[in-house]
Amino acid sequence: MICARGGYGAQRMVDLLDWAAMRAAGPKVFVGFSDITALHEAFATRLGLVTLHGPMAAGADFVKSTRAQEHLRATLFAPETVRTIVSDGTALVPGRARGVTLGGCLSLLAADLGTPHARPSARGGLLCLEDVGEETYRLDRYLTQLLRAGWLDGVAGLLLGSWAQCEPYDGLRALLADRLGGLGVPVAEQFGFGHCEDALTVPFGVAAALDTEAGTLTLDEPALS
């Protein structure tokens, strides 16, 4: 399933799904981002499925972007050709790390804490974070909540995507460095996924290697089989 759009209400949908029927139906393709993060997390915890954090069909950025279309198409139909995802970003904290990919929209991950479908932590994972239209103090609140809850304890590395309609990145970068730099793990910034033009498709639930200085995420195996 390729989501047409995100938006408020995805959290409500989670409690209406027939998980037994979905499990019996077997693995399916699922693509989306933004508030769809709530569904990514539920599919991971309830079904153990690999899902795709990628553009949505009705998104203006996707409709106008050949790069986003081609990367999603390759991930869906020739996944072996996109085992290495290359970004134009840089290293907020240099280094290399290995783990299983997860994440999504920061505000949704914070809101998911304590719910039946939330994973206990991001331990051992390569956590992808992005958001849209949030004031810096609110992003600070979400990150601090994840830190205080211990949800980031043991995370292997982080990939930071877009922060569209937030404070200009030069100012936001100081907050990200302050809240995430102390974790002592590699952090890649401006990796090119989320609410941005030419958004990359990033598989969740796949073991991978992150190299923040090269700006690459290399999957151990194709996202789909």
N, C-alpha and C. Protein backbone atom coordinates (compact mmCIF):
# COMPACT_ATOMS: atom_id res chain seq x y z
N MET A 1 0.84 -1.18 0.00
CA MET A 1 0.00 0.00 0.00
C MET A 1 0.88 1.24 0.00
N ILE A 2 0.61 2.16 -0.90
CA ILE A 2 1.29 3.45 -0.92
C ILE A 2 0.30 4.49 -0.43
N CYS A 3 0.62 5.12 0.68
CA CYS A 3 -0.29 6.11 1.25
C CYS A 3 -0.41 7.32 0.32
N ALA A 4 -1.62 7.85 0.20
CA ALA A 4 -1.84 9.03 -0.63
C ALA A 4 -1.37 10.28 0.09
N ARG A 5 -1.53 10.31 1.40
CA ARG A 5 -1.13 11.47 2.20
C ARG A 5 -1.00 11.03 3.65
N GLY A 6 -0.45 11.94 4.47
CA GLY A 6 -0.35 11.67 5.89
C GLY A 6 -1.42 12.46 6.61
N GLY A 7 -1.03 13.20 7.64
CA GLY A 7 -1.99 14.07 8.30
C GLY A 7 -2.57 13.48 9.56
N TYR A 8 -3.15 14.37 10.34
CA TYR A 8 -3.75 14.01 11.62
C TYR A 8 -4.76 12.88 11.46
N GLY A 9 -4.76 11.93 12.35
CA GLY A 9 -5.71 10.82 12.33
C GLY A 9 -5.07 9.46 12.21
N ALA A 10 -3.80 9.42 11.79
CA ALA A 10 -3.14 8.12 11.64
C ALA A 10 -3.08 7.36 12.96
N GLN A 11 -2.89 8.09 14.06
CA GLN A 11 -2.85 7.42 15.37
C GLN A 11 -4.17 6.72 15.68
N ARG A 12 -5.29 7.33 15.28
CA ARG A 12 -6.59 6.71 15.54
C ARG A 12 -6.78 5.44 14.72
N MET A 13 -6.19 5.40 13.54
CA MET A 13 -6.35 4.24 12.67
C MET A 13 -5.73 2.99 13.27
N VAL A 14 -4.64 3.15 14.02
CA VAL A 14 -3.90 2.00 14.53
C VAL A 14 -4.81 1.08 15.33
N ASP A 15 -5.68 1.62 16.14
CA ASP A 15 -6.53 0.81 17.00
C ASP A 15 -7.72 0.20 16.28
N LEU A 16 -7.89 0.54 14.99
CA LEU A 16 -9.01 0.00 14.22
C LEU A 16 -8.58 -1.13 13.29
N LEU A 17 -7.30 -1.41 13.22
CA LEU A 17 -6.79 -2.41 12.28
C LEU A 17 -6.97 -3.83 12.83
N ASP A 18 -7.25 -4.77 11.92
CA ASP A 18 -7.40 -6.17 12.27
C ASP A 18 -6.04 -6.84 12.10
N TRP A 19 -5.29 -6.90 13.20
CA TRP A 19 -3.93 -7.39 13.12
C TRP A 19 -3.88 -8.87 12.79
N ALA A 20 -4.84 -9.63 13.25
CA ALA A 20 -4.85 -11.07 12.95
C ALA A 20 -5.04 -11.29 11.45
N ALA A 21 -5.93 -10.53 10.84
CA ALA A 21 -6.17 -10.67 9.41
C ALA A 21 -4.95 -10.23 8.60
N MET A 22 -4.30 -9.17 9.06
CA MET A 22 -3.13 -8.68 8.35
C MET A 22 -1.98 -9.67 8.46
N ARG A 23 -1.84 -10.29 9.63
CA ARG A 23 -0.79 -11.28 9.81
C ARG A 23 -1.05 -12.50 8.92
N ALA A 24 -2.31 -12.90 8.82
CA ALA A 24 -2.67 -14.06 7.99
C ALA A 24 -2.47 -13.77 6.51
N ALA A 25 -2.60 -12.52 6.11
CA ALA A 25 -2.48 -12.16 4.69
C ALA A 25 -1.03 -12.20 4.21
N GLY A 26 -0.08 -12.18 5.13
CA GLY A 26 1.33 -12.22 4.75
C GLY A 26 1.89 -10.85 4.46
N PRO A 27 3.21 -10.77 4.21
CA PRO A 27 3.88 -9.49 4.02
C PRO A 27 3.32 -8.69 2.85
N LYS A 28 3.19 -7.40 3.04
CA LYS A 28 2.75 -6.47 2.01
C LYS A 28 3.68 -5.27 2.00
N VAL A 29 3.69 -4.55 0.90
CA VAL A 29 4.47 -3.32 0.81
C VAL A 29 3.68 -2.20 1.47
N PHE A 30 4.36 -1.39 2.27
CA PHE A 30 3.73 -0.25 2.92
C PHE A 30 4.67 0.95 2.81
N VAL A 31 4.16 2.07 2.24
CA VAL A 31 4.98 3.27 2.02
C VAL A 31 4.27 4.49 2.56
N GLY A 32 4.99 5.34 3.28
CA GLY A 32 4.43 6.61 3.75
C GLY A 32 5.39 7.27 4.72
N PHE A 33 5.04 8.48 5.16
CA PHE A 33 5.87 9.16 6.15
C PHE A 33 5.00 10.16 6.90
N SER A 34 5.62 11.06 7.65
CA SER A 34 4.91 12.06 8.44
C SER A 34 4.09 11.36 9.53
N ASP A 35 2.78 11.67 9.66
CA ASP A 35 1.96 11.02 10.69
C ASP A 35 1.85 9.52 10.48
N ILE A 36 2.19 9.05 9.29
CA ILE A 36 2.18 7.62 9.01
C ILE A 36 3.21 6.90 9.88
N THR A 37 4.08 7.66 10.53
CA THR A 37 5.04 7.09 11.49
C THR A 37 4.33 6.19 12.50
N ALA A 38 3.14 6.57 12.94
CA ALA A 38 2.40 5.76 13.90
C ALA A 38 2.12 4.37 13.34
N LEU A 39 1.86 4.28 12.04
CA LEU A 39 1.60 2.99 11.41
C LEU A 39 2.89 2.21 11.18
N HIS A 40 3.96 2.90 10.82
CA HIS A 40 5.26 2.23 10.70
C HIS A 40 5.61 1.52 12.01
N GLU A 41 5.45 2.22 13.12
CA GLU A 41 5.79 1.64 14.42
C GLU A 41 4.89 0.45 14.74
N ALA A 42 3.61 0.59 14.47
CA ALA A 42 2.68 -0.50 14.76
C ALA A 42 2.96 -1.72 13.89
N PHE A 43 3.25 -1.51 12.62
CA PHE A 43 3.56 -2.63 11.73
C PHE A 43 4.84 -3.35 12.18
N ALA A 44 5.79 -2.57 12.70
CA ALA A 44 7.04 -3.17 13.18
C ALA A 44 6.81 -3.99 14.43
N THR A 45 6.08 -3.43 15.39
CA THR A 45 5.92 -4.11 16.67
C THR A 45 4.89 -5.24 16.62
N ARG A 46 3.84 -5.09 15.83
CA ARG A 46 2.79 -6.10 15.78
C ARG A 46 3.03 -7.18 14.73
N LEU A 47 3.67 -6.79 13.60
CA LEU A 47 3.83 -7.72 12.48
C LEU A 47 5.29 -8.04 12.15
N GLY A 48 6.21 -7.23 12.64
CA GLY A 48 7.62 -7.45 12.33
C GLY A 48 7.96 -7.22 10.87
N LEU A 49 7.22 -6.35 10.20
CA LEU A 49 7.41 -6.13 8.77
C LEU A 49 8.42 -5.03 8.48
N VAL A 50 9.11 -5.18 7.35
CA VAL A 50 9.89 -4.08 6.78
C VAL A 50 8.91 -3.14 6.10
N THR A 51 9.02 -1.84 6.38
CA THR A 51 8.18 -0.83 5.74
C THR A 51 9.08 0.23 5.12
N LEU A 52 8.51 1.06 4.28
CA LEU A 52 9.28 2.05 3.55
C LEU A 52 8.87 3.47 3.97
N HIS A 53 9.82 4.20 4.55
CA HIS A 53 9.60 5.61 4.86
C HIS A 53 9.89 6.37 3.57
N GLY A 54 8.81 6.66 2.84
CA GLY A 54 9.00 7.25 1.53
C GLY A 54 7.87 8.18 1.15
N PRO A 55 8.00 8.83 0.00
CA PRO A 55 7.02 9.83 -0.45
C PRO A 55 5.63 9.24 -0.63
N MET A 56 4.63 10.11 -0.48
CA MET A 56 3.25 9.68 -0.65
C MET A 56 2.70 10.18 -1.98
N ALA A 57 1.81 9.40 -2.56
CA ALA A 57 1.40 9.58 -3.95
C ALA A 57 0.80 10.96 -4.24
N ALA A 58 0.10 11.54 -3.28
CA ALA A 58 -0.55 12.82 -3.52
C ALA A 58 0.30 14.02 -3.11
N GLY A 59 1.52 13.77 -2.64
CA GLY A 59 2.37 14.87 -2.19
C GLY A 59 2.90 15.68 -3.36
N ALA A 60 2.81 16.99 -3.25
CA ALA A 60 3.25 17.87 -4.33
C ALA A 60 4.73 17.69 -4.62
N ASP A 61 5.55 17.53 -3.57
CA ASP A 61 6.98 17.34 -3.77
C ASP A 61 7.27 16.08 -4.57
N PHE A 62 6.48 15.02 -4.30
CA PHE A 62 6.68 13.76 -5.01
C PHE A 62 6.26 13.89 -6.47
N VAL A 63 5.13 14.52 -6.71
CA VAL A 63 4.61 14.67 -8.07
C VAL A 63 5.58 15.45 -8.95
N LYS A 64 6.28 16.41 -8.36
CA LYS A 64 7.18 17.28 -9.12
C LYS A 64 8.62 16.75 -9.19
N SER A 65 8.94 15.71 -8.44
CA SER A 65 10.34 15.30 -8.29
C SER A 65 10.63 13.99 -9.01
N THR A 66 11.38 14.07 -10.07
CA THR A 66 11.80 12.86 -10.78
C THR A 66 12.69 12.00 -9.90
N ARG A 67 13.56 12.64 -9.11
CA ARG A 67 14.48 11.89 -8.26
C ARG A 67 13.71 11.07 -7.22
N ALA A 68 12.74 11.69 -6.57
CA ALA A 68 11.95 10.97 -5.56
C ALA A 68 11.18 9.83 -6.20
N GLN A 69 10.61 10.06 -7.37
CA GLN A 69 9.86 9.02 -8.07
C GLN A 69 10.76 7.85 -8.44
N GLU A 70 11.93 8.16 -8.97
CA GLU A 70 12.83 7.10 -9.43
C GLU A 70 13.39 6.30 -8.26
N HIS A 71 13.68 6.98 -7.14
CA HIS A 71 14.22 6.24 -5.99
C HIS A 71 13.17 5.33 -5.38
N LEU A 72 11.93 5.80 -5.31
CA LEU A 72 10.86 4.94 -4.80
C LEU A 72 10.61 3.79 -5.77
N ARG A 73 10.59 4.07 -7.05
CA ARG A 73 10.36 3.02 -8.04
C ARG A 73 11.44 1.94 -7.96
N ALA A 74 12.69 2.37 -7.84
CA ALA A 74 13.78 1.39 -7.74
C ALA A 74 13.67 0.57 -6.47
N THR A 75 13.30 1.21 -5.36
CA THR A 75 13.15 0.48 -4.10
C THR A 75 12.05 -0.57 -4.19
N LEU A 76 10.99 -0.25 -4.92
CA LEU A 76 9.86 -1.17 -5.06
C LEU A 76 10.13 -2.30 -6.05
N PHE A 77 10.72 -1.96 -7.19
CA PHE A 77 10.79 -2.93 -8.29
C PHE A 77 12.20 -3.45 -8.59
N ALA A 78 13.22 -2.78 -8.10
CA ALA A 78 14.59 -3.26 -8.27
C ALA A 78 15.39 -2.97 -7.01
N PRO A 79 14.94 -3.51 -5.88
CA PRO A 79 15.54 -3.13 -4.60
C PRO A 79 17.02 -3.47 -4.48
N GLU A 80 17.48 -4.43 -5.25
CA GLU A 80 18.91 -4.76 -5.19
C GLU A 80 19.78 -3.63 -5.75
N THR A 81 19.19 -2.70 -6.51
CA THR A 81 19.96 -1.60 -7.10
C THR A 81 20.12 -0.43 -6.15
N VAL A 82 19.42 -0.44 -5.04
CA VAL A 82 19.50 0.68 -4.08
C VAL A 82 19.89 0.17 -2.70
N ARG A 83 20.83 -0.77 -2.68
CA ARG A 83 21.33 -1.28 -1.40
C ARG A 83 22.08 -0.20 -0.63
N THR A 84 22.70 0.74 -1.36
CA THR A 84 23.37 1.86 -0.72
C THR A 84 22.62 3.14 -1.03
N ILE A 85 22.16 3.81 0.02
CA ILE A 85 21.44 5.08 -0.12
C ILE A 85 22.44 6.20 0.14
N VAL A 86 22.61 7.06 -0.85
CA VAL A 86 23.61 8.12 -0.79
C VAL A 86 22.93 9.46 -0.59
N SER A 87 23.36 10.21 0.40
CA SER A 87 22.77 11.52 0.69
C SER A 87 23.74 12.62 0.33
N ASP A 88 23.21 13.85 0.34
CA ASP A 88 24.06 15.04 0.14
C ASP A 88 24.42 15.68 1.47
N GLY A 89 24.11 15.01 2.57
CA GLY A 89 24.30 15.60 3.89
C GLY A 89 25.73 15.49 4.39
N THR A 90 25.88 15.87 5.64
CA THR A 90 27.19 15.87 6.28
C THR A 90 27.09 15.17 7.64
N ALA A 91 28.20 15.13 8.35
CA ALA A 91 28.23 14.48 9.66
C ALA A 91 28.07 15.52 10.76
N LEU A 92 27.00 15.41 11.54
CA LEU A 92 26.89 16.22 12.74
C LEU A 92 27.84 15.66 13.80
N VAL A 93 27.88 14.34 13.89
CA VAL A 93 28.86 13.62 14.71
C VAL A 93 29.46 12.54 13.82
N PRO A 94 30.74 12.64 13.48
CA PRO A 94 31.33 11.68 12.55
C PRO A 94 31.46 10.28 13.13
N GLY A 95 31.43 9.32 12.22
CA GLY A 95 31.62 7.94 12.65
C GLY A 95 30.83 6.95 11.83
N ARG A 96 30.96 5.69 12.19
CA ARG A 96 30.25 4.61 11.53
C ARG A 96 29.49 3.81 12.58
N ALA A 97 28.37 3.25 12.15
CA ALA A 97 27.56 2.47 13.08
C ALA A 97 26.76 1.43 12.31
N ARG A 98 26.38 0.38 13.02
CA ARG A 98 25.52 -0.66 12.44
C ARG A 98 24.29 -0.83 13.32
N GLY A 99 23.17 -1.16 12.68
CA GLY A 99 21.94 -1.40 13.43
C GLY A 99 20.79 -1.61 12.49
N VAL A 100 19.61 -1.74 13.05
CA VAL A 100 18.39 -1.91 12.27
C VAL A 100 17.69 -0.56 12.17
N THR A 101 17.29 -0.19 10.97
CA THR A 101 16.68 1.12 10.74
C THR A 101 15.28 1.20 11.33
N LEU A 102 14.96 2.39 11.83
CA LEU A 102 13.64 2.67 12.39
C LEU A 102 13.46 4.18 12.47
N GLY A 103 12.27 4.62 12.85
CA GLY A 103 12.09 6.04 13.12
C GLY A 103 10.93 6.66 12.39
N GLY A 104 11.13 7.93 11.98
CA GLY A 104 10.10 8.69 11.30
C GLY A 104 9.99 10.09 11.84
N CYS A 105 8.78 10.56 11.98
CA CYS A 105 8.50 11.92 12.41
C CYS A 105 8.71 12.03 13.93
N LEU A 106 9.57 12.93 14.34
CA LEU A 106 9.95 13.06 15.75
C LEU A 106 8.75 13.24 16.66
N SER A 107 7.84 14.14 16.31
CA SER A 107 6.70 14.42 17.19
C SER A 107 5.80 13.20 17.35
N LEU A 108 5.68 12.37 16.31
CA LEU A 108 4.85 11.17 16.40
C LEU A 108 5.53 10.10 17.26
N LEU A 109 6.84 10.00 17.16
CA LEU A 109 7.55 9.04 18.01
C LEU A 109 7.42 9.40 19.48
N ALA A 110 7.50 10.70 19.79
CA ALA A 110 7.33 11.14 21.17
C ALA A 110 5.91 10.88 21.65
N ALA A 111 4.94 11.13 20.78
CA ALA A 111 3.53 10.93 21.15
C ALA A 111 3.20 9.45 21.32
N ASP A 112 3.96 8.58 20.68
CA ASP A 112 3.69 7.15 20.71
C ASP A 112 4.13 6.49 22.01
N LEU A 113 5.00 7.16 22.77
CA LEU A 113 5.52 6.56 24.00
C LEU A 113 4.38 6.15 24.92
N GLY A 114 4.49 4.94 25.44
CA GLY A 114 3.50 4.46 26.40
C GLY A 114 2.27 3.82 25.78
N THR A 115 2.18 3.80 24.46
CA THR A 115 1.03 3.18 23.80
C THR A 115 1.31 1.70 23.56
N PRO A 116 0.26 0.91 23.28
CA PRO A 116 0.46 -0.54 23.09
C PRO A 116 1.34 -0.90 21.90
N HIS A 117 1.47 0.04 20.93
CA HIS A 117 2.22 -0.29 19.72
C HIS A 117 3.62 0.30 19.72
N ALA A 118 4.01 0.96 20.78
CA ALA A 118 5.33 1.59 20.83
C ALA A 118 6.38 0.57 21.24
N ARG A 119 7.53 0.61 20.56
CA ARG A 119 8.63 -0.26 20.98
C ARG A 119 9.24 0.30 22.26
N PRO A 120 9.84 -0.53 23.10
CA PRO A 120 10.34 -0.05 24.39
C PRO A 120 11.48 0.94 24.26
N SER A 121 12.28 0.83 23.19
CA SER A 121 13.38 1.76 23.01
C SER A 121 13.92 1.62 21.60
N ALA A 122 14.85 2.52 21.25
CA ALA A 122 15.52 2.44 19.96
C ALA A 122 16.86 1.73 20.08
N ARG A 123 17.07 1.01 21.15
CA ARG A 123 18.35 0.34 21.43
C ARG A 123 18.79 -0.51 20.25
N GLY A 124 20.05 -0.34 19.86
CA GLY A 124 20.61 -1.12 18.76
C GLY A 124 20.19 -0.66 17.38
N GLY A 125 19.44 0.41 17.30
CA GLY A 125 18.91 0.84 16.01
C GLY A 125 19.64 2.01 15.39
N LEU A 126 19.42 2.17 14.09
CA LEU A 126 19.81 3.38 13.37
C LEU A 126 18.54 4.20 13.23
N LEU A 127 18.43 5.22 14.06
CA LEU A 127 17.19 5.97 14.22
C LEU A 127 17.14 7.15 13.24
N CYS A 128 16.10 7.17 12.42
CA CYS A 128 15.87 8.25 11.46
C CYS A 128 14.85 9.23 12.05
N LEU A 129 15.18 10.52 12.05
CA LEU A 129 14.31 11.54 12.62
C LEU A 129 14.14 12.70 11.65
N GLU A 130 12.93 13.23 11.57
CA GLU A 130 12.63 14.43 10.81
C GLU A 130 11.32 15.00 11.35
N ASP A 131 10.98 16.22 10.90
CA ASP A 131 9.69 16.79 11.30
C ASP A 131 9.39 17.99 10.42
N VAL A 132 8.21 18.58 10.61
CA VAL A 132 7.79 19.70 9.76
C VAL A 132 6.97 20.69 10.59
N GLY A 133 7.20 21.97 10.34
CA GLY A 133 6.37 23.02 10.92
C GLY A 133 6.39 23.10 12.43
N GLU A 134 7.51 22.77 13.06
CA GLU A 134 7.58 22.79 14.52
C GLU A 134 8.51 23.91 14.99
N GLU A 135 8.11 24.58 16.05
CA GLU A 135 8.99 25.56 16.69
C GLU A 135 10.15 24.82 17.36
N THR A 136 11.27 25.50 17.46
CA THR A 136 12.46 24.86 18.03
C THR A 136 12.24 24.39 19.46
N TYR A 137 11.49 25.17 20.24
CA TYR A 137 11.27 24.75 21.63
C TYR A 137 10.46 23.46 21.69
N ARG A 138 9.59 23.24 20.70
CA ARG A 138 8.81 22.00 20.68
C ARG A 138 9.68 20.81 20.27
N LEU A 139 10.57 21.02 19.31
CA LEU A 139 11.51 19.97 18.95
C LEU A 139 12.39 19.61 20.15
N ASP A 140 12.80 20.64 20.88
CA ASP A 140 13.57 20.43 22.12
C ASP A 140 12.75 19.56 23.08
N ARG A 141 11.48 19.87 23.21
CA ARG A 141 10.61 19.12 24.13
C ARG A 141 10.52 17.65 23.71
N TYR A 142 10.33 17.39 22.41
CA TYR A 142 10.21 16.00 21.95
C TYR A 142 11.49 15.22 22.19
N LEU A 143 12.62 15.83 21.83
CA LEU A 143 13.89 15.15 22.02
C LEU A 143 14.17 14.90 23.50
N THR A 144 13.88 15.90 24.33
CA THR A 144 14.10 15.75 25.77
C THR A 144 13.20 14.67 26.35
N GLN A 145 11.97 14.58 25.86
CA GLN A 145 11.07 13.52 26.31
C GLN A 145 11.63 12.15 25.98
N LEU A 146 12.14 11.96 24.76
CA LEU A 146 12.72 10.67 24.39
C LEU A 146 13.95 10.36 25.24
N LEU A 147 14.75 11.39 25.51
CA LEU A 147 15.93 11.20 26.35
C LEU A 147 15.55 10.84 27.78
N ARG A 148 14.61 11.58 28.36
CA ARG A 148 14.22 11.36 29.75
C ARG A 148 13.54 10.01 29.93
N ALA A 149 12.83 9.56 28.90
CA ALA A 149 12.15 8.27 28.96
C ALA A 149 13.10 7.10 28.77
N GLY A 150 14.36 7.40 28.45
CA GLY A 150 15.33 6.34 28.21
C GLY A 150 15.18 5.68 26.85
N TRP A 151 14.35 6.27 25.99
CA TRP A 151 14.05 5.64 24.70
C TRP A 151 15.26 5.65 23.77
N LEU A 152 16.17 6.59 23.97
CA LEU A 152 17.36 6.68 23.13
C LEU A 152 18.57 5.94 23.71
N ASP A 153 18.41 5.34 24.87
CA ASP A 153 19.51 4.60 25.48
C ASP A 153 19.92 3.44 24.58
N GLY A 154 21.20 3.37 24.25
CA GLY A 154 21.70 2.26 23.46
C GLY A 154 21.48 2.38 21.97
N VAL A 155 20.95 3.51 21.50
CA VAL A 155 20.79 3.68 20.06
C VAL A 155 22.18 3.62 19.41
N ALA A 156 22.26 3.02 18.22
CA ALA A 156 23.57 2.82 17.58
C ALA A 156 24.02 4.03 16.77
N GLY A 157 23.07 4.73 16.18
CA GLY A 157 23.40 5.89 15.35
C GLY A 157 22.13 6.59 14.93
N LEU A 158 22.28 7.81 14.42
CA LEU A 158 21.11 8.60 14.02
C LEU A 158 21.29 9.19 12.63
N LEU A 159 20.18 9.25 11.90
CA LEU A 159 20.12 9.93 10.62
C LEU A 159 19.05 11.01 10.73
N LEU A 160 19.43 12.23 10.46
CA LEU A 160 18.50 13.35 10.55
C LEU A 160 18.09 13.78 9.14
N GLY A 161 16.80 13.85 8.91
CA GLY A 161 16.28 14.22 7.60
C GLY A 161 15.98 15.69 7.51
N SER A 162 14.82 16.01 6.97
CA SER A 162 14.46 17.41 6.74
C SER A 162 13.71 18.00 7.94
N TRP A 163 13.78 19.32 8.04
CA TRP A 163 13.09 20.06 9.10
C TRP A 163 12.37 21.23 8.43
N ALA A 164 11.51 20.89 7.48
CA ALA A 164 10.82 21.88 6.66
C ALA A 164 9.90 22.76 7.52
N GLN A 165 9.86 24.03 7.20
CA GLN A 165 9.00 25.00 7.87
C GLN A 165 9.31 25.12 9.37
N CYS A 166 10.52 24.71 9.75
CA CYS A 166 11.01 24.94 11.10
C CYS A 166 11.97 26.12 11.04
N GLU A 167 12.64 26.41 12.14
CA GLU A 167 13.65 27.46 12.16
C GLU A 167 14.72 27.16 11.10
N PRO A 168 15.32 28.19 10.47
CA PRO A 168 16.43 27.94 9.54
C PRO A 168 17.46 27.00 10.17
N TYR A 169 18.01 26.11 9.36
CA TYR A 169 18.79 24.99 9.90
C TYR A 169 20.00 25.42 10.72
N ASP A 170 20.60 26.54 10.39
CA ASP A 170 21.77 27.00 11.16
C ASP A 170 21.44 27.14 12.64
N GLY A 171 20.22 27.60 12.94
CA GLY A 171 19.82 27.73 14.34
C GLY A 171 19.39 26.40 14.93
N LEU A 172 18.70 25.61 14.14
CA LEU A 172 18.20 24.32 14.62
C LEU A 172 19.35 23.35 14.88
N ARG A 173 20.41 23.48 14.12
CA ARG A 173 21.55 22.57 14.25
C ARG A 173 22.13 22.59 15.66
N ALA A 174 22.13 23.75 16.30
CA ALA A 174 22.67 23.85 17.66
C ALA A 174 21.85 23.01 18.63
N LEU A 175 20.53 23.02 18.46
CA LEU A 175 19.68 22.20 19.31
C LEU A 175 19.94 20.71 19.09
N LEU A 176 20.02 20.30 17.83
CA LEU A 176 20.25 18.89 17.53
C LEU A 176 21.58 18.42 18.09
N ALA A 177 22.60 19.26 17.96
CA ALA A 177 23.91 18.90 18.50
C ALA A 177 23.87 18.80 20.02
N ASP A 178 23.14 19.71 20.66
CA ASP A 178 23.06 19.72 22.12
C ASP A 178 22.32 18.50 22.65
N ARG A 179 21.19 18.15 22.04
CA ARG A 179 20.37 17.06 22.54
C ARG A 179 20.88 15.68 22.11
N LEU A 180 21.51 15.58 20.94
CA LEU A 180 21.89 14.28 20.41
C LEU A 180 23.39 14.02 20.45
N GLY A 181 24.19 15.09 20.50
CA GLY A 181 25.63 14.91 20.49
C GLY A 181 26.15 14.16 21.69
N GLY A 182 25.47 14.28 22.83
CA GLY A 182 25.92 13.62 24.04
C GLY A 182 25.67 12.13 24.08
N LEU A 183 24.97 11.60 23.08
CA LEU A 183 24.71 10.17 23.06
C LEU A 183 25.96 9.37 22.73
N GLY A 184 26.96 10.05 22.15
CA GLY A 184 28.22 9.38 21.85
C GLY A 184 28.14 8.42 20.68
N VAL A 185 27.22 8.67 19.74
CA VAL A 185 27.08 7.81 18.57
C VAL A 185 27.13 8.67 17.31
N PRO A 186 27.44 8.07 16.15
CA PRO A 186 27.46 8.84 14.91
C PRO A 186 26.09 9.43 14.58
N VAL A 187 26.10 10.66 14.08
CA VAL A 187 24.85 11.34 13.70
C VAL A 187 25.05 11.96 12.31
N ALA A 188 24.26 11.53 11.35
CA ALA A 188 24.27 12.12 10.01
C ALA A 188 23.18 13.18 9.93
N GLU A 189 23.48 14.31 9.32
CA GLU A 189 22.48 15.38 9.22
C GLU A 189 22.14 15.67 7.76
N GLN A 190 20.94 16.23 7.57
CA GLN A 190 20.43 16.60 6.25
C GLN A 190 20.57 15.43 5.27
N PHE A 191 20.05 14.29 5.69
CA PHE A 191 20.23 13.07 4.92
C PHE A 191 19.30 12.99 3.71
N GLY A 192 18.28 13.83 3.66
CA GLY A 192 17.48 13.89 2.44
C GLY A 192 16.21 13.07 2.42
N PHE A 193 15.64 12.77 3.59
CA PHE A 193 14.35 12.08 3.65
C PHE A 193 13.38 12.94 4.44
N GLY A 194 12.10 12.71 4.24
CA GLY A 194 11.09 13.44 5.00
C GLY A 194 10.34 14.47 4.18
N HIS A 195 10.03 15.60 4.82
CA HIS A 195 9.23 16.66 4.20
C HIS A 195 10.13 17.58 3.36
N CYS A 196 10.66 17.05 2.29
CA CYS A 196 11.59 17.84 1.48
C CYS A 196 11.46 17.45 0.01
N GLU A 197 11.98 18.30 -0.84
CA GLU A 197 12.02 17.98 -2.26
C GLU A 197 13.01 16.84 -2.49
N ASP A 198 12.73 16.03 -3.50
CA ASP A 198 13.63 14.92 -3.87
C ASP A 198 13.85 13.94 -2.73
N ALA A 199 12.82 13.70 -1.92
CA ALA A 199 12.97 12.86 -0.74
C ALA A 199 13.34 11.43 -1.09
N LEU A 200 14.33 10.91 -0.37
CA LEU A 200 14.76 9.53 -0.53
C LEU A 200 13.79 8.59 0.18
N THR A 201 13.72 7.36 -0.29
CA THR A 201 12.96 6.31 0.37
C THR A 201 13.92 5.51 1.25
N VAL A 202 13.60 5.43 2.55
CA VAL A 202 14.46 4.73 3.50
C VAL A 202 13.69 3.54 4.09
N PRO A 203 14.16 2.32 3.87
CA PRO A 203 13.50 1.16 4.46
C PRO A 203 13.68 1.12 5.98
N PHE A 204 12.63 0.77 6.68
CA PHE A 204 12.68 0.56 8.12
C PHE A 204 12.59 -0.94 8.41
N GLY A 205 13.37 -1.37 9.41
CA GLY A 205 13.35 -2.78 9.79
C GLY A 205 14.41 -3.60 9.08
N VAL A 206 15.42 -2.93 8.51
CA VAL A 206 16.49 -3.61 7.78
C VAL A 206 17.83 -3.35 8.46
N ALA A 207 18.64 -4.37 8.64
CA ALA A 207 19.98 -4.20 9.18
C ALA A 207 20.83 -3.43 8.17
N ALA A 208 21.60 -2.45 8.66
CA ALA A 208 22.34 -1.58 7.75
C ALA A 208 23.56 -1.01 8.43
N ALA A 209 24.44 -0.41 7.62
CA ALA A 209 25.64 0.26 8.12
C ALA A 209 25.57 1.73 7.73
N LEU A 210 25.81 2.60 8.69
CA LEU A 210 25.80 4.05 8.47
C LEU A 210 27.23 4.58 8.50
N ASP A 211 27.57 5.39 7.51
CA ASP A 211 28.85 6.10 7.48
C ASP A 211 28.51 7.58 7.35
N THR A 212 28.62 8.31 8.44
CA THR A 212 28.16 9.71 8.42
C THR A 212 29.06 10.61 7.59
N GLU A 213 30.34 10.28 7.52
CA GLU A 213 31.26 11.13 6.75
C GLU A 213 31.09 10.92 5.25
N ALA A 214 30.79 9.69 4.84
CA ALA A 214 30.53 9.41 3.43
C ALA A 214 29.09 9.76 3.05
N GLY A 215 28.23 9.91 4.06
CA GLY A 215 26.82 10.19 3.79
C GLY A 215 26.09 9.01 3.18
N THR A 216 26.39 7.81 3.66
CA THR A 216 25.78 6.61 3.09
C THR A 216 25.12 5.73 4.14
N LEU A 217 24.07 5.07 3.72
CA LEU A 217 23.41 4.04 4.50
C LEU A 217 23.38 2.81 3.61
N THR A 218 24.09 1.76 4.02
CA THR A 218 24.22 0.56 3.19
C THR A 218 23.45 -0.58 3.84
N LEU A 219 22.44 -1.07 3.14
CA LEU A 219 21.59 -2.15 3.65
C LEU A 219 22.29 -3.49 3.52
N ASP A 220 22.14 -4.34 4.52
CA ASP A 220 22.72 -5.68 4.46
C ASP A 220 22.09 -6.52 3.36
N GLU A 221 20.82 -6.27 3.07
CA GLU A 221 20.10 -6.99 2.02
C GLU A 221 19.06 -6.06 1.43
N PRO A 222 18.55 -6.38 0.25
CA PRO A 222 17.52 -5.51 -0.35
C PRO A 222 16.33 -5.32 0.58
N ALA A 223 15.72 -4.17 0.51
CA ALA A 223 14.59 -3.87 1.39
C ALA A 223 13.42 -4.82 1.17
N LEU A 224 13.19 -5.20 -0.06
CA LEU A 224 12.08 -6.08 -0.41
C LEU A 224 12.61 -7.30 -1.15
N SER A 225 11.90 -8.40 -1.02
CA SER A 225 12.32 -9.62 -1.72
C SER A 225 11.11 -10.24 -2.40
